[in-house]
Amino acid sequence: MGSSVESRGTTTVPARVVARIAEQAASEVPHIGSSAGGVLGVGARRDFDTRPSVDCDLYGRTAVLRLDVGVAFPAPLHDVLAQLRSHVERTVSTLTGLEVGRMDVEISWLNPETTRRALR
C-alpha cells in the first residue's frame, strides 16, 4: 500500500476560508480596524475590536485578496500598510499553503486619536 502524497487525496481550501484567515490576520495588526454594524453603511461604526472585511478569489494555488480597513490616525500609513501586507501574506501562506499573488487594500476611513479640534 503506497503512502505517497498523491494517493492520500486532495485538500481544497475554499476562497471564503482564505478570506476569514486574512480577516483574522489583518485584525492582529496594530492601528488596523474595520467598519462594524449598520446596513448599507448606515449606522456603521469604526471598530478596532472586529475583523476587517476581506474578499478572496482563488486562481489555482494563488489567492487574490481585497481588504477594506480603517486606520488609526495619526499613524505612518506606509509603515502600517507594509506591516499589514506582510502579516496577512505570511499568515495566509503559512496556514493554507497558497501564494498571495495580489493584495489590494482600501482605507475606507481614518480614526483620529481625538475628535476635538485644537484651540488656536
PDB file of N, CA and C in Angstrom:
ATOM      1  N   MET A   1       0.842  -1.167   0.000  1.00  0.00           N
ATOM      2  CA  MET A   1       0.000   0.000   0.000  1.00  0.00           C
ATOM      3  C   MET A   1       0.891   1.234   0.000  1.00  0.00           C
ATOM      4  N   GLY A   2       0.705   2.117  -0.996  1.00  0.00           N
ATOM      5  CA  GLY A   2       1.528   3.314  -1.109  1.00  0.00           C
ATOM      6  C   GLY A   2       1.047   4.409  -0.180  1.00  0.00           C
ATOM      7  N   SER A   3       1.965   5.158   0.309  1.00  0.00           N
ATOM      8  CA  SER A   3       1.603   6.284   1.170  1.00  0.00           C
ATOM      9  C   SER A   3       2.099   7.586   0.561  1.00  0.00           C
ATOM     10  N   SER A   4       2.200   7.621  -0.769  1.00  0.00           N
ATOM     11  CA  SER A   4       2.637   8.846  -1.424  1.00  0.00           C
ATOM     12  C   SER A   4       1.572   9.916  -1.255  1.00  0.00           C
ATOM     13  N   VAL A   5       1.993  11.138  -1.407  1.00  0.00           N
ATOM     14  CA  VAL A   5       1.077  12.268  -1.252  1.00  0.00           C
ATOM     15  C   VAL A   5      -0.090  12.142  -2.229  1.00  0.00           C
ATOM     16  N   GLU A   6       0.178  11.736  -3.454  1.00  0.00           N
ATOM     17  CA  GLU A   6      -0.867  11.625  -4.465  1.00  0.00           C
ATOM     18  C   GLU A   6      -1.937  10.609  -4.078  1.00  0.00           C
ATOM     19  N   SER A   7      -1.550   9.544  -3.379  1.00  0.00           N
ATOM     20  CA  SER A   7      -2.515   8.502  -3.041  1.00  0.00           C
ATOM     21  C   SER A   7      -3.398   8.874  -1.847  1.00  0.00           C
ATOM     22  N   ARG A   8      -3.069   9.956  -1.159  1.00  0.00           N
ATOM     23  CA  ARG A   8      -3.852  10.365   0.016  1.00  0.00           C
ATOM     24  C   ARG A   8      -5.052  11.226  -0.347  1.00  0.00           C
ATOM     25  N   GLY A   9      -5.129  11.713  -1.567  1.00  0.00           N
ATOM     26  CA  GLY A   9      -6.248  12.563  -1.961  1.00  0.00           C
ATOM     27  C   GLY A   9      -5.838  14.020  -2.019  1.00  0.00           C
ATOM     28  N   THR A  10      -6.828  14.870  -2.163  1.00  0.00           N
ATOM     29  CA  THR A  10      -6.570  16.302  -2.280  1.00  0.00           C
ATOM     30  C   THR A  10      -7.235  17.052  -1.136  1.00  0.00           C
ATOM     31  N   THR A  11      -6.711  18.201  -0.856  1.00  0.00           N
ATOM     32  CA  THR A  11      -7.298  19.107   0.130  1.00  0.00           C
ATOM     33  C   THR A  11      -7.654  20.395  -0.585  1.00  0.00           C
ATOM     34  N   THR A  12      -8.880  20.832  -0.404  1.00  0.00           N
ATOM     35  CA  THR A  12      -9.339  22.067  -1.025  1.00  0.00           C
ATOM     36  C   THR A  12      -9.652  23.085   0.059  1.00  0.00           C
ATOM     37  N   VAL A  13      -9.121  24.285  -0.077  1.00  0.00           N
ATOM     38  CA  VAL A  13      -9.409  25.374   0.845  1.00  0.00           C
ATOM     39  C   VAL A  13     -10.263  26.381   0.083  1.00  0.00           C
ATOM     40  N   PRO A  14     -11.541  26.522   0.439  1.00  0.00           N
ATOM     41  CA  PRO A  14     -12.413  27.458  -0.267  1.00  0.00           C
ATOM     42  C   PRO A  14     -11.967  28.914  -0.098  1.00  0.00           C
ATOM     43  N   ALA A  15     -12.309  29.751  -1.051  1.00  0.00           N
ATOM     44  CA  ALA A  15     -11.943  31.166  -1.021  1.00  0.00           C
ATOM     45  C   ALA A  15     -12.465  31.844   0.239  1.00  0.00           C
ATOM     46  N   ARG A  16     -13.663  31.475   0.700  1.00  0.00           N
ATOM     47  CA  ARG A  16     -14.230  32.108   1.892  1.00  0.00           C
ATOM     48  C   ARG A  16     -13.385  31.787   3.131  1.00  0.00           C
ATOM     49  N   VAL A  17     -12.824  30.605   3.203  1.00  0.00           N
ATOM     50  CA  VAL A  17     -11.956  30.247   4.327  1.00  0.00           C
ATOM     51  C   VAL A  17     -10.669  31.067   4.278  1.00  0.00           C
ATOM     52  N   VAL A  18     -10.112  31.215   3.094  1.00  0.00           N
ATOM     53  CA  VAL A  18      -8.905  32.035   2.936  1.00  0.00           C
ATOM     54  C   VAL A  18      -9.204  33.470   3.351  1.00  0.00           C
ATOM     55  N   ALA A  19     -10.378  33.986   2.968  1.00  0.00           N
ATOM     56  CA  ALA A  19     -10.765  35.350   3.350  1.00  0.00           C
ATOM     57  C   ALA A  19     -10.860  35.486   4.865  1.00  0.00           C
ATOM     58  N   ARG A  20     -11.420  34.490   5.531  1.00  0.00           N
ATOM     59  CA  ARG A  20     -11.530  34.530   7.002  1.00  0.00           C
ATOM     60  C   ARG A  20     -10.152  34.535   7.663  1.00  0.00           C
ATOM     61  N   ILE A  21      -9.250  33.744   7.130  1.00  0.00           N
ATOM     62  CA  ILE A  21      -7.885  33.720   7.656  1.00  0.00           C
ATOM     63  C   ILE A  21      -7.239  35.091   7.481  1.00  0.00           C
ATOM     64  N   ALA A  22      -7.434  35.697   6.314  1.00  0.00           N
ATOM     65  CA  ALA A  22      -6.879  37.029   6.051  1.00  0.00           C
ATOM     66  C   ALA A  22      -7.516  38.081   6.951  1.00  0.00           C
ATOM     67  N   GLU A  23      -8.829  37.961   7.205  1.00  0.00           N
ATOM     68  CA  GLU A  23      -9.501  38.897   8.118  1.00  0.00           C
ATOM     69  C   GLU A  23      -8.888  38.833   9.511  1.00  0.00           C
ATOM     70  N   GLN A  24      -8.692  37.618  10.006  1.00  0.00           N
ATOM     71  CA  GLN A  24      -8.113  37.459  11.339  1.00  0.00           C
ATOM     72  C   GLN A  24      -6.691  38.007  11.382  1.00  0.00           C
ATOM     73  N   ALA A  25      -5.907  37.707  10.365  1.00  0.00           N
ATOM     74  CA  ALA A  25      -4.527  38.205  10.319  1.00  0.00           C
ATOM     75  C   ALA A  25      -4.510  39.727  10.298  1.00  0.00           C
ATOM     76  N   ALA A  26      -5.389  40.343   9.510  1.00  0.00           N
ATOM     77  CA  ALA A  26      -5.442  41.809   9.435  1.00  0.00           C
ATOM     78  C   ALA A  26      -5.809  42.414  10.789  1.00  0.00           C
ATOM     79  N   SER A  27      -6.710  41.753  11.509  1.00  0.00           N
ATOM     80  CA  SER A  27      -7.138  42.280  12.813  1.00  0.00           C
ATOM     81  C   SER A  27      -6.032  42.225  13.856  1.00  0.00           C
ATOM     82  N   GLU A  28      -5.003  41.449  13.611  1.00  0.00           N
ATOM     83  CA  GLU A  28      -3.881  41.316  14.548  1.00  0.00           C
ATOM     84  C   GLU A  28      -2.837  42.432  14.382  1.00  0.00           C
ATOM     85  N   VAL A  29      -2.983  43.245  13.345  1.00  0.00           N
ATOM     86  CA  VAL A  29      -2.010  44.305  13.057  1.00  0.00           C
ATOM     87  C   VAL A  29      -2.412  45.580  13.801  1.00  0.00           C
ATOM     88  N   PRO A  30      -1.488  46.178  14.556  1.00  0.00           N
ATOM     89  CA  PRO A  30      -1.799  47.423  15.270  1.00  0.00           C
ATOM     90  C   PRO A  30      -2.257  48.524  14.315  1.00  0.00           C
ATOM     91  N   HIS A  31      -3.198  49.343  14.778  1.00  0.00           N
ATOM     92  CA  HIS A  31      -3.722  50.508  14.063  1.00  0.00           C
ATOM     93  C   HIS A  31      -4.713  50.147  12.954  1.00  0.00           C
ATOM     94  N   ILE A  32      -5.063  48.851  12.799  1.00  0.00           N
ATOM     95  CA  ILE A  32      -6.000  48.438  11.741  1.00  0.00           C
ATOM     96  C   ILE A  32      -7.351  48.134  12.369  1.00  0.00           C
ATOM     97  N   GLY A  33      -8.399  48.698  11.775  1.00  0.00           N
ATOM     98  CA  GLY A  33      -9.755  48.481  12.263  1.00  0.00           C
ATOM     99  C   GLY A  33     -10.689  48.138  11.127  1.00  0.00           C
ATOM    100  N   SER A  34     -11.976  48.056  11.463  1.00  0.00           N
ATOM    101  CA  SER A  34     -12.981  47.711  10.462  1.00  0.00           C
ATOM    102  C   SER A  34     -14.231  48.539  10.700  1.00  0.00           C
ATOM    103  N   SER A  35     -15.117  48.500   9.742  1.00  0.00           N
ATOM    104  CA  SER A  35     -16.443  49.074   9.915  1.00  0.00           C
ATOM    105  C   SER A  35     -17.334  47.960  10.418  1.00  0.00           C
ATOM    106  N   ALA A  36     -18.103  48.235  11.454  1.00  0.00           N
ATOM    107  CA  ALA A  36     -18.946  47.202  12.025  1.00  0.00           C
ATOM    108  C   ALA A  36     -20.381  47.699  12.117  1.00  0.00           C
ATOM    109  N   GLY A  37     -21.299  46.775  11.958  1.00  0.00           N
ATOM    110  CA  GLY A  37     -22.713  47.091  12.102  1.00  0.00           C
ATOM    111  C   GLY A  37     -23.240  47.889  10.935  1.00  0.00           C
ATOM    112  N   GLY A  38     -24.464  48.295  11.054  1.00  0.00           N
ATOM    113  CA  GLY A  38     -25.099  49.113  10.035  1.00  0.00           C
ATOM    114  C   GLY A  38     -25.616  48.286   8.876  1.00  0.00           C
ATOM    115  N   VAL A  39     -26.436  48.943   8.078  1.00  0.00           N
ATOM    116  CA  VAL A  39     -26.986  48.348   6.866  1.00  0.00           C
ATOM    117  C   VAL A  39     -26.657  49.281   5.720  1.00  0.00           C
ATOM    118  N   LEU A  40     -25.952  48.758   4.726  1.00  0.00           N
ATOM    119  CA  LEU A  40     -25.531  49.561   3.572  1.00  0.00           C
ATOM    120  C   LEU A  40     -24.766  50.806   4.009  1.00  0.00           C
ATOM    121  N   GLY A  41     -23.989  50.660   5.074  1.00  0.00           N
ATOM    122  CA  GLY A  41     -23.156  51.765   5.541  1.00  0.00           C
ATOM    123  C   GLY A  41     -23.840  52.702   6.520  1.00  0.00           C
ATOM    124  N   VAL A  42     -25.168  52.612   6.652  1.00  0.00           N
ATOM    125  CA  VAL A  42     -25.891  53.481   7.569  1.00  0.00           C
ATOM    126  C   VAL A  42     -25.834  52.860   8.956  1.00  0.00           C
ATOM    127  N   GLY A  43     -25.348  53.615   9.912  1.00  0.00           N
ATOM    128  CA  GLY A  43     -25.230  53.114  11.274  1.00  0.00           C
ATOM    129  C   GLY A  43     -23.944  52.354  11.529  1.00  0.00           C
ATOM    130  N   ALA A  44     -23.082  52.270  10.528  1.00  0.00           N
ATOM    131  CA  ALA A  44     -21.803  51.582  10.720  1.00  0.00           C
ATOM    132  C   ALA A  44     -20.933  52.397  11.664  1.00  0.00           C
ATOM    133  N   ARG A  45     -20.114  51.710  12.419  1.00  0.00           N
ATOM    134  CA  ARG A  45     -19.225  52.398  13.347  1.00  0.00           C
ATOM    135  C   ARG A  45     -17.793  51.939  13.104  1.00  0.00           C
ATOM    136  N   ARG A  46     -16.883  52.767  13.478  1.00  0.00           N
ATOM    137  CA  ARG A  46     -15.464  52.426  13.381  1.00  0.00           C
ATOM    138  C   ARG A  46     -15.113  51.549  14.567  1.00  0.00           C
ATOM    139  N   ASP A  47     -14.474  50.434  14.288  1.00  0.00           N
ATOM    140  CA  ASP A  47     -14.277  49.446  15.344  1.00  0.00           C
ATOM    141  C   ASP A  47     -12.898  48.815  15.222  1.00  0.00           C
ATOM    142  N   PHE A  48     -12.158  48.829  16.320  1.00  0.00           N
ATOM    143  CA  PHE A  48     -10.843  48.196  16.343  1.00  0.00           C
ATOM    144  C   PHE A  48     -10.891  46.834  17.035  1.00  0.00           C
ATOM    145  N   ASP A  49     -12.092  46.360  17.351  1.00  0.00           N
ATOM    146  CA  ASP A  49     -12.242  45.064  18.011  1.00  0.00           C
ATOM    147  C   ASP A  49     -12.836  44.000  17.100  1.00  0.00           C
ATOM    148  N   THR A  50     -13.144  44.346  15.862  1.00  0.00           N
ATOM    149  CA  THR A  50     -13.683  43.366  14.921  1.00  0.00           C
ATOM    150  C   THR A  50     -12.741  43.234  13.733  1.00  0.00           C
ATOM    151  N   ARG A  51     -12.949  42.172  12.956  1.00  0.00           N
ATOM    152  CA  ARG A  51     -12.069  41.902  11.823  1.00  0.00           C
ATOM    153  C   ARG A  51     -12.453  42.755  10.620  1.00  0.00           C
ATOM    154  N   PRO A  52     -11.453  43.271   9.895  1.00  0.00           N
ATOM    155  CA  PRO A  52     -11.730  43.982   8.652  1.00  0.00           C
ATOM    156  C   PRO A  52     -12.365  43.047   7.618  1.00  0.00           C
ATOM    157  N   SER A  53     -12.982  43.623   6.633  1.00  0.00           N
ATOM    158  CA  SER A  53     -13.625  42.863   5.567  1.00  0.00           C
ATOM    159  C   SER A  53     -12.592  42.460   4.507  1.00  0.00           C
ATOM    160  N   VAL A  54     -12.638  41.195   4.083  1.00  0.00           N
ATOM    161  CA  VAL A  54     -11.731  40.697   3.053  1.00  0.00           C
ATOM    162  C   VAL A  54     -12.525  39.860   2.054  1.00  0.00           C
ATOM    163  N   ASP A  55     -12.276  40.082   0.776  1.00  0.00           N
ATOM    164  CA  ASP A  55     -12.791  39.235  -0.298  1.00  0.00           C
ATOM    165  C   ASP A  55     -11.605  38.495  -0.900  1.00  0.00           C
ATOM    166  N   CYS A  56     -11.845  37.282  -1.360  1.00  0.00           N
ATOM    167  CA  CYS A  56     -10.769  36.471  -1.914  1.00  0.00           C
ATOM    168  C   CYS A  56     -11.246  35.758  -3.172  1.00  0.00           C
ATOM    169  N   ASP A  57     -10.394  35.749  -4.168  1.00  0.00           N
ATOM    170  CA  ASP A  57     -10.580  34.911  -5.355  1.00  0.00           C
ATOM    171  C   ASP A  57      -9.375  33.990  -5.432  1.00  0.00           C
ATOM    172  N   LEU A  58      -9.627  32.751  -5.829  1.00  0.00           N
ATOM    173  CA  LEU A  58      -8.541  31.783  -5.974  1.00  0.00           C
ATOM    174  C   LEU A  58      -8.354  31.430  -7.440  1.00  0.00           C
ATOM    175  N   TYR A  59      -7.098  31.404  -7.840  1.00  0.00           N
ATOM    176  CA  TYR A  59      -6.702  31.005  -9.189  1.00  0.00           C
ATOM    177  C   TYR A  59      -5.650  29.919  -9.030  1.00  0.00           C
ATOM    178  N   GLY A  60      -6.101  28.674  -8.992  1.00  0.00           N
ATOM    179  CA  GLY A  60      -5.187  27.573  -8.724  1.00  0.00           C
ATOM    180  C   GLY A  60      -4.656  27.692  -7.309  1.00  0.00           C
ATOM    181  N   ARG A  61      -3.349  27.817  -7.160  1.00  0.00           N
ATOM    182  CA  ARG A  61      -2.703  27.931  -5.845  1.00  0.00           C
ATOM    183  C   ARG A  61      -2.386  29.386  -5.483  1.00  0.00           C
ATOM    184  N   THR A  62      -3.037  30.333  -6.177  1.00  0.00           N
ATOM    185  CA  THR A  62      -2.785  31.755  -5.945  1.00  0.00           C
ATOM    186  C   THR A  62      -4.047  32.441  -5.443  1.00  0.00           C
ATOM    187  N   ALA A  63      -3.908  33.190  -4.356  1.00  0.00           N
ATOM    188  CA  ALA A  63      -5.018  33.945  -3.783  1.00  0.00           C
ATOM    189  C   ALA A  63      -4.879  35.419  -4.148  1.00  0.00           C
ATOM    190  N   VAL A  64      -5.995  36.027  -4.530  1.00  0.00           N
ATOM    191  CA  VAL A  64      -6.069  37.463  -4.773  1.00  0.00           C
ATOM    192  C   VAL A  64      -6.994  38.025  -3.698  1.00  0.00           C
ATOM    193  N   LEU A  65      -6.465  38.922  -2.879  1.00  0.00           N
ATOM    194  CA  LEU A  65      -7.194  39.449  -1.730  1.00  0.00           C
ATOM    195  C   LEU A  65      -7.538  40.920  -1.912  1.00  0.00           C
ATOM    196  N   ARG A  66      -8.719  41.308  -1.419  1.00  0.00           N
ATOM    197  CA  ARG A  66      -9.156  42.693  -1.379  1.00  0.00           C
ATOM    198  C   ARG A  66      -9.583  42.989   0.053  1.00  0.00           C
ATOM    199  N   LEU A  67      -8.867  43.920   0.708  1.00  0.00           N
ATOM    200  CA  LEU A  67      -9.135  44.257   2.101  1.00  0.00           C
ATOM    201  C   LEU A  67      -9.739  45.646   2.191  1.00  0.00           C
ATOM    202  N   ASP A  68     -10.716  45.807   3.063  1.00  0.00           N
ATOM    203  CA  ASP A  68     -11.326  47.102   3.363  1.00  0.00           C
ATOM    204  C   ASP A  68     -11.067  47.363   4.841  1.00  0.00           C
ATOM    205  N   VAL A  69     -10.231  48.352   5.131  1.00  0.00           N
ATOM    206  CA  VAL A  69      -9.792  48.588   6.505  1.00  0.00           C
ATOM    207  C   VAL A  69      -9.970  50.049   6.896  1.00  0.00           C
ATOM    208  N   GLY A  70      -9.931  50.274   8.194  1.00  0.00           N
ATOM    209  CA  GLY A  70      -9.795  51.605   8.754  1.00  0.00           C
ATOM    210  C   GLY A  70      -8.443  51.666   9.429  1.00  0.00           C
ATOM    211  N   VAL A  71      -7.938  52.866   9.595  1.00  0.00           N
ATOM    212  CA  VAL A  71      -6.612  53.022  10.198  1.00  0.00           C
ATOM    213  C   VAL A  71      -6.677  54.116  11.258  1.00  0.00           C
ATOM    214  N   ALA A  72      -6.036  53.841  12.391  1.00  0.00           N
ATOM    215  CA  ALA A  72      -5.912  54.859  13.439  1.00  0.00           C
ATOM    216  C   ALA A  72      -5.054  55.998  12.901  1.00  0.00           C
ATOM    217  N   PHE A  73      -5.397  57.225  13.299  1.00  0.00           N
ATOM    218  CA  PHE A  73      -4.676  58.386  12.805  1.00  0.00           C
ATOM    219  C   PHE A  73      -4.327  59.279  13.979  1.00  0.00           C
ATOM    220  N   PRO A  74      -3.166  59.849  14.090  1.00  0.00           N
ATOM    221  CA  PRO A  74      -2.111  59.772  13.097  1.00  0.00           C
ATOM    222  C   PRO A  74      -1.276  58.510  13.282  1.00  0.00           C
ATOM    223  N   ALA A  75      -1.015  57.875  12.203  1.00  0.00           N
ATOM    224  CA  ALA A  75      -0.119  56.716  12.169  1.00  0.00           C
ATOM    225  C   ALA A  75       0.594  56.779  10.826  1.00  0.00           C
ATOM    226  N   PRO A  76       1.819  56.333  10.750  1.00  0.00           N
ATOM    227  CA  PRO A  76       2.538  56.352   9.468  1.00  0.00           C
ATOM    228  C   PRO A  76       1.903  55.320   8.513  1.00  0.00           C
ATOM    229  N   LEU A  77       1.055  55.785   7.617  1.00  0.00           N
ATOM    230  CA  LEU A  77       0.283  54.884   6.762  1.00  0.00           C
ATOM    231  C   LEU A  77       1.154  53.905   5.996  1.00  0.00           C
ATOM    232  N   HIS A  78       2.253  54.380   5.448  1.00  0.00           N
ATOM    233  CA  HIS A  78       3.131  53.497   4.678  1.00  0.00           C
ATOM    234  C   HIS A  78       3.609  52.333   5.541  1.00  0.00           C
ATOM    235  N   ASP A  79       4.045  52.625   6.750  1.00  0.00           N
ATOM    236  CA  ASP A  79       4.552  51.585   7.653  1.00  0.00           C
ATOM    237  C   ASP A  79       3.442  50.637   8.102  1.00  0.00           C
ATOM    238  N   VAL A  80       2.280  51.197   8.450  1.00  0.00           N
ATOM    239  CA  VAL A  80       1.153  50.367   8.891  1.00  0.00           C
ATOM    240  C   VAL A  80       0.719  49.429   7.771  1.00  0.00           C
ATOM    241  N   LEU A  81       0.613  49.946   6.550  1.00  0.00           N
ATOM    242  CA  LEU A  81       0.180  49.106   5.426  1.00  0.00           C
ATOM    243  C   LEU A  81       1.239  48.081   5.045  1.00  0.00           C
ATOM    244  N   ALA A  82       2.511  48.425   5.168  1.00  0.00           N
ATOM    245  CA  ALA A  82       3.572  47.446   4.901  1.00  0.00           C
ATOM    246  C   ALA A  82       3.488  46.301   5.904  1.00  0.00           C
ATOM    247  N   GLN A  83       3.253  46.633   7.168  1.00  0.00           N
ATOM    248  CA  GLN A  83       3.109  45.603   8.195  1.00  0.00           C
ATOM    249  C   GLN A  83       1.856  44.765   7.938  1.00  0.00           C
ATOM    250  N   LEU A  84       0.762  45.413   7.553  1.00  0.00           N
ATOM    251  CA  LEU A  84      -0.481  44.699   7.239  1.00  0.00           C
ATOM    252  C   LEU A  84      -0.264  43.704   6.103  1.00  0.00           C
ATOM    253  N   ARG A  85       0.306  44.171   5.009  1.00  0.00           N
ATOM    254  CA  ARG A  85       0.533  43.308   3.849  1.00  0.00           C
ATOM    255  C   ARG A  85       1.433  42.117   4.209  1.00  0.00           C
ATOM    256  N   SER A  86       2.513  42.398   4.911  1.00  0.00           N
ATOM    257  CA  SER A  86       3.459  41.344   5.272  1.00  0.00           C
ATOM    258  C   SER A  86       2.805  40.296   6.173  1.00  0.00           C
ATOM    259  N   HIS A  87       2.084  40.753   7.192  1.00  0.00           N
ATOM    260  CA  HIS A  87       1.482  39.824   8.148  1.00  0.00           C
ATOM    261  C   HIS A  87       0.384  38.979   7.491  1.00  0.00           C
ATOM    262  N   VAL A  88      -0.474  39.614   6.692  1.00  0.00           N
ATOM    263  CA  VAL A  88      -1.555  38.870   6.032  1.00  0.00           C
ATOM    264  C   VAL A  88      -0.973  37.865   5.043  1.00  0.00           C
ATOM    265  N   GLU A  89      -0.012  38.286   4.237  1.00  0.00           N
ATOM    266  CA  GLU A  89       0.590  37.378   3.260  1.00  0.00           C
ATOM    267  C   GLU A  89       1.259  36.185   3.936  1.00  0.00           C
ATOM    268  N   ARG A  90       2.032  36.459   4.975  1.00  0.00           N
ATOM    269  CA  ARG A  90       2.735  35.388   5.686  1.00  0.00           C
ATOM    270  C   ARG A  90       1.749  34.420   6.344  1.00  0.00           C
ATOM    271  N   THR A  91       0.709  34.938   6.980  1.00  0.00           N
ATOM    272  CA  THR A  91      -0.268  34.096   7.670  1.00  0.00           C
ATOM    273  C   THR A  91      -1.059  33.242   6.689  1.00  0.00           C
ATOM    274  N   VAL A  92      -1.542  33.850   5.611  1.00  0.00           N
ATOM    275  CA  VAL A  92      -2.309  33.093   4.607  1.00  0.00           C
ATOM    276  C   VAL A  92      -1.434  31.994   4.006  1.00  0.00           C
ATOM    277  N   SER A  93      -0.203  32.332   3.651  1.00  0.00           N
ATOM    278  CA  SER A  93       0.698  31.339   3.055  1.00  0.00           C
ATOM    279  C   SER A  93       1.014  30.203   4.027  1.00  0.00           C
ATOM    280  N   THR A  94       1.283  30.551   5.278  1.00  0.00           N
ATOM    281  CA  THR A  94       1.631  29.543   6.275  1.00  0.00           C
ATOM    282  C   THR A  94       0.465  28.600   6.563  1.00  0.00           C
ATOM    283  N   LEU A  95      -0.736  29.152   6.717  1.00  0.00           N
ATOM    284  CA  LEU A  95      -1.880  28.341   7.122  1.00  0.00           C
ATOM    285  C   LEU A  95      -2.557  27.593   5.971  1.00  0.00           C
ATOM    286  N   THR A  96      -2.397  28.088   4.743  1.00  0.00           N
ATOM    287  CA  THR A  96      -3.108  27.448   3.624  1.00  0.00           C
ATOM    288  C   THR A  96      -2.189  26.811   2.596  1.00  0.00           C
ATOM    289  N   GLY A  97      -0.931  27.218   2.550  1.00  0.00           N
ATOM    290  CA  GLY A  97      -0.031  26.743   1.506  1.00  0.00           C
ATOM    291  C   GLY A  97      -0.215  27.461   0.187  1.00  0.00           C
ATOM    292  N   LEU A  98      -1.101  28.469   0.166  1.00  0.00           N
ATOM    293  CA  LEU A  98      -1.339  29.238  -1.061  1.00  0.00           C
ATOM    294  C   LEU A  98      -0.391  30.428  -1.138  1.00  0.00           C
ATOM    295  N   GLU A  99      -0.151  30.882  -2.346  1.00  0.00           N
ATOM    296  CA  GLU A  99       0.631  32.099  -2.567  1.00  0.00           C
ATOM    297  C   GLU A  99      -0.337  33.267  -2.695  1.00  0.00           C
ATOM    298  N   VAL A 100      -0.025  34.385  -2.049  1.00  0.00           N
ATOM    299  CA  VAL A 100      -0.814  35.595  -2.231  1.00  0.00           C
ATOM    300  C   VAL A 100      -0.218  36.327  -3.419  1.00  0.00           C
ATOM    301  N   GLY A 101      -0.936  36.302  -4.533  1.00  0.00           N
ATOM    302  CA  GLY A 101      -0.428  36.895  -5.759  1.00  0.00           C
ATOM    303  C   GLY A 101      -0.665  38.388  -5.841  1.00  0.00           C
ATOM    304  N   ARG A 102      -1.751  38.841  -5.216  1.00  0.00           N
ATOM    305  CA  ARG A 102      -2.089  40.264  -5.242  1.00  0.00           C
ATOM    306  C   ARG A 102      -2.907  40.574  -4.003  1.00  0.00           C
ATOM    307  N   MET A 103      -2.676  41.768  -3.443  1.00  0.00           N
ATOM    308  CA  MET A 103      -3.442  42.206  -2.283  1.00  0.00           C
ATOM    309  C   MET A 103      -3.761  43.687  -2.463  1.00  0.00           C
ATOM    310  N   ASP A 104      -5.032  43.982  -2.684  1.00  0.00           N
ATOM    311  CA  ASP A 104      -5.483  45.365  -2.789  1.00  0.00           C
ATOM    312  C   ASP A 104      -6.041  45.780  -1.436  1.00  0.00           C
ATOM    313  N   VAL A 105      -5.608  46.937  -0.941  1.00  0.00           N
ATOM    314  CA  VAL A 105      -6.057  47.425   0.358  1.00  0.00           C
ATOM    315  C   VAL A 105      -6.729  48.777   0.148  1.00  0.00           C
ATOM    316  N   GLU A 106      -7.982  48.873   0.592  1.00  0.00           N
ATOM    317  CA  GLU A 106      -8.705  50.141   0.555  1.00  0.00           C
ATOM    318  C   GLU A 106      -8.832  50.646   1.984  1.00  0.00           C
ATOM    319  N   ILE A 107      -8.354  51.869   2.218  1.00  0.00           N
ATOM    320  CA  ILE A 107      -8.541  52.510   3.518  1.00  0.00           C
ATOM    321  C   ILE A 107      -9.835  53.295   3.407  1.00  0.00           C
ATOM    322  N   SER A 108     -10.881  52.803   4.069  1.00  0.00           N
ATOM    323  CA  SER A 108     -12.186  53.443   3.921  1.00  0.00           C
ATOM    324  C   SER A 108     -12.442  54.524   4.971  1.00  0.00           C
ATOM    325  N   TRP A 109     -11.601  54.573   5.998  1.00  0.00           N
ATOM    326  CA  TRP A 109     -11.733  55.633   6.998  1.00  0.00           C
ATOM    327  C   TRP A 109     -10.465  55.743   7.840  1.00  0.00           C
ATOM    328  N   LEU A 110     -10.293  56.924   8.415  1.00  0.00           N
ATOM    329  CA  LEU A 110      -9.229  57.176   9.388  1.00  0.00           C
ATOM    330  C   LEU A 110      -9.891  57.527  10.707  1.00  0.00           C
ATOM    331  N   ASN A 111      -9.346  57.056  11.797  1.00  0.00           N
ATOM    332  CA  ASN A 111      -9.910  57.334  13.114  1.00  0.00           C
ATOM    333  C   ASN A 111      -8.919  58.185  13.905  1.00  0.00           C
ATOM    334  N   PRO A 112      -9.213  59.482  14.047  1.00  0.00           N
ATOM    335  CA  PRO A 112      -8.278  60.330  14.797  1.00  0.00           C
ATOM    336  C   PRO A 112      -8.263  59.960  16.271  1.00  0.00           C
ATOM    337  N   GLU A 113      -7.108  60.203  16.913  1.00  0.00           N
ATOM    338  CA  GLU A 113      -6.997  59.915  18.349  1.00  0.00           C
ATOM    339  C   GLU A 113      -8.001  60.732  19.145  1.00  0.00           C
ATOM    340  N   THR A 114      -8.252  61.904  18.691  1.00  0.00           N
ATOM    341  CA  THR A 114      -9.238  62.762  19.364  1.00  0.00           C
ATOM    342  C   THR A 114     -10.102  63.433  18.320  1.00  0.00           C
ATOM    343  N   THR A 115     -11.342  63.641  18.634  1.00  0.00           N
ATOM    344  CA  THR A 115     -12.244  64.295  17.692  1.00  0.00           C
ATOM    345  C   THR A 115     -12.336  65.787  17.962  1.00  0.00           C
ATOM    346  N   ARG A 116     -11.716  66.250  19.060  1.00  0.00           N
ATOM    347  CA  ARG A 116     -11.741  67.671  19.379  1.00  0.00           C
ATOM    348  C   ARG A 116     -10.658  68.393  18.612  1.00  0.00           C
ATOM    349  N   ARG A 117     -10.998  69.522  18.081  1.00  0.00           N
ATOM    350  CA  ARG A 117     -10.005  70.328  17.379  1.00  0.00           C
ATOM    351  C   ARG A 117      -9.188  71.132  18.387  1.00  0.00           C
ATOM    352  N   ALA A 118      -7.938  71.287  18.063  1.00  0.00           N
ATOM    353  CA  ALA A 118      -7.073  72.090  18.945  1.00  0.00           C
ATOM    354  C   ALA A 118      -7.503  73.542  18.903  1.00  0.00           C
ATOM    355  N   LEU A 119      -7.531  74.156  20.054  1.00  0.00           N
ATOM    356  CA  LEU A 119      -7.876  75.575  20.121  1.00  0.00           C
ATOM    357  C   LEU A 119      -6.666  76.393  19.675  1.00  0.00           C
ATOM    358  N   ARG A 120      -6.915  77.390  18.891  1.00  0.00           N
ATOM    359  CA  ARG A 120      -5.813  78.233  18.398  1.00  0.00           C
ATOM    360  C   ARG A 120      -5.899  79.587  18.994  1.00  0.00           C
TER     361      ARG A 120
END
